[in-house]
Amino acid sequence: MLAIQVQIILWSFGYEISPNLTLPVLIGILFIYIGFLLGHAEQNWFVGIRTPWTLSSATVWKKTHDIGGKLFIIAGVISFVGVVAGVYALWFILVPILAVAVFTVVYSYIEYQKEIKNSENGT
């Protein structure tokens, strides 16, 4: 937020730095940081990918956060590519993060269903 505020102040002084150059980098750094944190998050009710399935099972929580952390890092790297995309930079931020969000929710549900099925079969 500080970097965005500095960009706004510079713009008002006549140094027009395009948000298409700064936002993909800043948001990419944020996604990478979130990915690192997700990979190390312990099961809780406040931080992380909190679906009913991850909160119900420590195993599902761990699997979902391991893959979610890696995908957030990949989304951050893809966001960096938005710098060269010009007016399409926003799409390099939105599409990867929405894809990661949808994937992690679906993944947690599938893993939970596998766990339920395995417990019913006694394995």
Protein backbone atom coordinates (compact mmCIF):
# COMPACT_ATOMS: atom_id res chain seq x y z
CA MET A 1 0.00 0.00 0.00
CA LEU A 2 2.90 2.33 0.71
CA ALA A 3 4.32 1.76 -2.77
CA ILE A 4 0.95 2.52 -4.36
CA GLN A 5 0.65 5.69 -2.29
CA VAL A 6 4.14 6.77 -3.39
CA GLN A 7 3.13 6.13 -7.00
CA ILE A 8 0.04 8.33 -6.57
CA ILE A 9 2.11 11.12 -5.02
CA LEU A 10 4.69 10.91 -7.82
CA TRP A 11 1.88 11.03 -10.39
CA SER A 12 0.58 14.25 -8.82
CA PHE A 13 4.08 15.75 -9.16
CA GLY A 14 4.15 14.92 -12.86
CA TYR A 15 6.01 11.58 -12.82
CA GLU A 16 3.43 9.43 -14.54
CA ILE A 17 4.37 5.85 -13.70
CA SER A 18 1.81 3.47 -15.11
CA PRO A 19 -0.05 1.24 -12.65
CA ASN A 20 0.32 -1.46 -15.32
CA LEU A 21 4.01 -1.51 -14.43
CA THR A 22 3.81 -1.37 -10.65
CA LEU A 23 0.68 -3.32 -9.68
CA PRO A 24 1.66 -6.65 -11.28
CA VAL A 25 4.98 -6.59 -9.46
CA LEU A 26 3.55 -5.52 -6.11
CA ILE A 27 0.65 -7.94 -6.23
CA GLY A 28 2.97 -10.69 -7.48
CA ILE A 29 5.16 -10.16 -4.41
CA LEU A 30 2.04 -10.30 -2.22
CA PHE A 31 0.90 -13.59 -3.82
CA ILE A 32 4.34 -15.15 -3.38
CA TYR A 33 4.38 -14.11 0.27
CA ILE A 34 0.87 -15.51 0.81
CA GLY A 35 1.94 -18.73 -0.89
CA PHE A 36 4.87 -19.08 1.48
CA LEU A 37 2.64 -18.45 4.49
CA LEU A 38 -0.05 -20.87 3.32
CA GLY A 39 2.50 -23.64 2.96
CA HIS A 40 3.35 -23.25 6.65
CA ALA A 41 -0.09 -22.48 8.11
CA GLU A 42 -1.34 -24.69 10.92
CA GLN A 43 -5.03 -25.58 11.07
CA ASN A 44 -7.03 -22.70 12.58
CA TRP A 45 -10.28 -20.77 12.18
CA PHE A 46 -8.75 -17.42 11.17
CA VAL A 47 -6.02 -17.76 8.53
CA GLY A 48 -5.75 -19.97 5.48
CA ILE A 49 -8.00 -21.76 3.03
CA ARG A 50 -10.93 -22.19 5.38
CA THR A 51 -13.49 -24.43 3.75
CA PRO A 52 -15.73 -26.74 5.75
CA TRP A 53 -13.58 -29.65 4.56
CA THR A 54 -10.22 -28.21 5.56
CA LEU A 55 -11.57 -27.25 8.97
CA SER A 56 -12.97 -30.75 9.49
CA SER A 57 -9.80 -32.66 8.71
CA ALA A 58 -6.17 -31.96 9.53
CA THR A 59 -5.05 -34.13 6.62
CA VAL A 60 -7.19 -32.24 4.12
CA TRP A 61 -5.98 -28.95 5.62
CA LYS A 62 -2.34 -29.96 5.14
CA LYS A 63 -2.80 -31.23 1.57
CA THR A 64 -4.86 -28.21 0.51
CA HIS A 65 -2.42 -25.72 1.99
CA ASP A 66 0.61 -27.46 0.53
CA ILE A 67 -0.78 -27.28 -2.99
CA GLY A 68 -2.43 -23.90 -2.41
CA GLY A 69 0.87 -22.40 -1.27
CA LYS A 70 2.64 -23.63 -4.39
CA LEU A 71 -0.16 -22.37 -6.63
CA PHE A 72 -0.14 -18.93 -4.99
CA ILE A 73 3.60 -18.69 -5.68
CA ILE A 74 2.98 -19.64 -9.31
CA ALA A 75 0.19 -17.04 -9.50
CA GLY A 76 2.65 -14.44 -8.19
CA VAL A 77 5.18 -15.30 -10.86
CA ILE A 78 2.47 -15.14 -13.55
CA SER A 79 1.48 -11.76 -12.17
CA PHE A 80 5.01 -10.50 -12.84
CA VAL A 81 4.49 -11.27 -16.54
CA GLY A 82 1.72 -8.67 -16.52
CA VAL A 83 4.42 -5.98 -16.61
CA VAL A 84 5.07 -6.73 -20.27
CA ALA A 85 1.37 -7.19 -21.10
CA GLY A 86 0.58 -3.48 -21.02
CA VAL A 87 -3.15 -2.80 -20.85
CA TYR A 88 -3.83 -6.51 -20.22
CA ALA A 89 -1.78 -6.52 -17.01
CA LEU A 90 -4.90 -6.79 -14.86
CA TRP A 91 -5.76 -10.12 -16.46
CA PHE A 92 -2.38 -11.51 -15.43
CA ILE A 93 -3.36 -10.74 -11.85
CA LEU A 94 -7.04 -11.69 -11.79
CA VAL A 95 -7.14 -14.90 -13.84
CA PRO A 96 -4.41 -16.79 -11.94
CA ILE A 97 -5.70 -15.84 -8.51
CA LEU A 98 -9.30 -16.72 -9.35
CA ALA A 99 -8.12 -20.04 -10.81
CA VAL A 100 -6.14 -20.79 -7.65
CA ALA A 101 -9.09 -19.90 -5.43
CA VAL A 102 -11.51 -22.12 -7.33
CA PHE A 103 -9.00 -24.96 -7.61
CA THR A 104 -8.19 -25.02 -3.89
CA VAL A 105 -11.86 -25.11 -2.89
CA VAL A 106 -12.61 -27.95 -5.31
CA TYR A 107 -9.42 -29.76 -4.32
CA SER A 108 -10.26 -29.60 -0.62
CA TYR A 109 -13.72 -31.03 -1.32
CA ILE A 110 -12.33 -33.89 -3.42
CA GLU A 111 -9.69 -34.73 -0.81
CA TYR A 112 -12.30 -34.70 1.95
CA GLN A 113 -14.55 -37.04 -0.05
CA LYS A 114 -11.58 -39.41 -0.58
CA GLU A 115 -10.90 -39.35 3.16
CA ILE A 116 -14.54 -40.12 3.98
CA LYS A 117 -14.62 -42.95 1.44
CA ASN A 118 -11.39 -44.44 2.83
CA SER A 119 -12.68 -44.28 6.41
CA GLU A 120 -15.91 -46.02 5.38
CA ASN A 121 -13.92 -48.78 3.67
CA GLY A 122 -11.74 -49.17 6.75
CA THR A 123 -8.47 -48.38 5.03
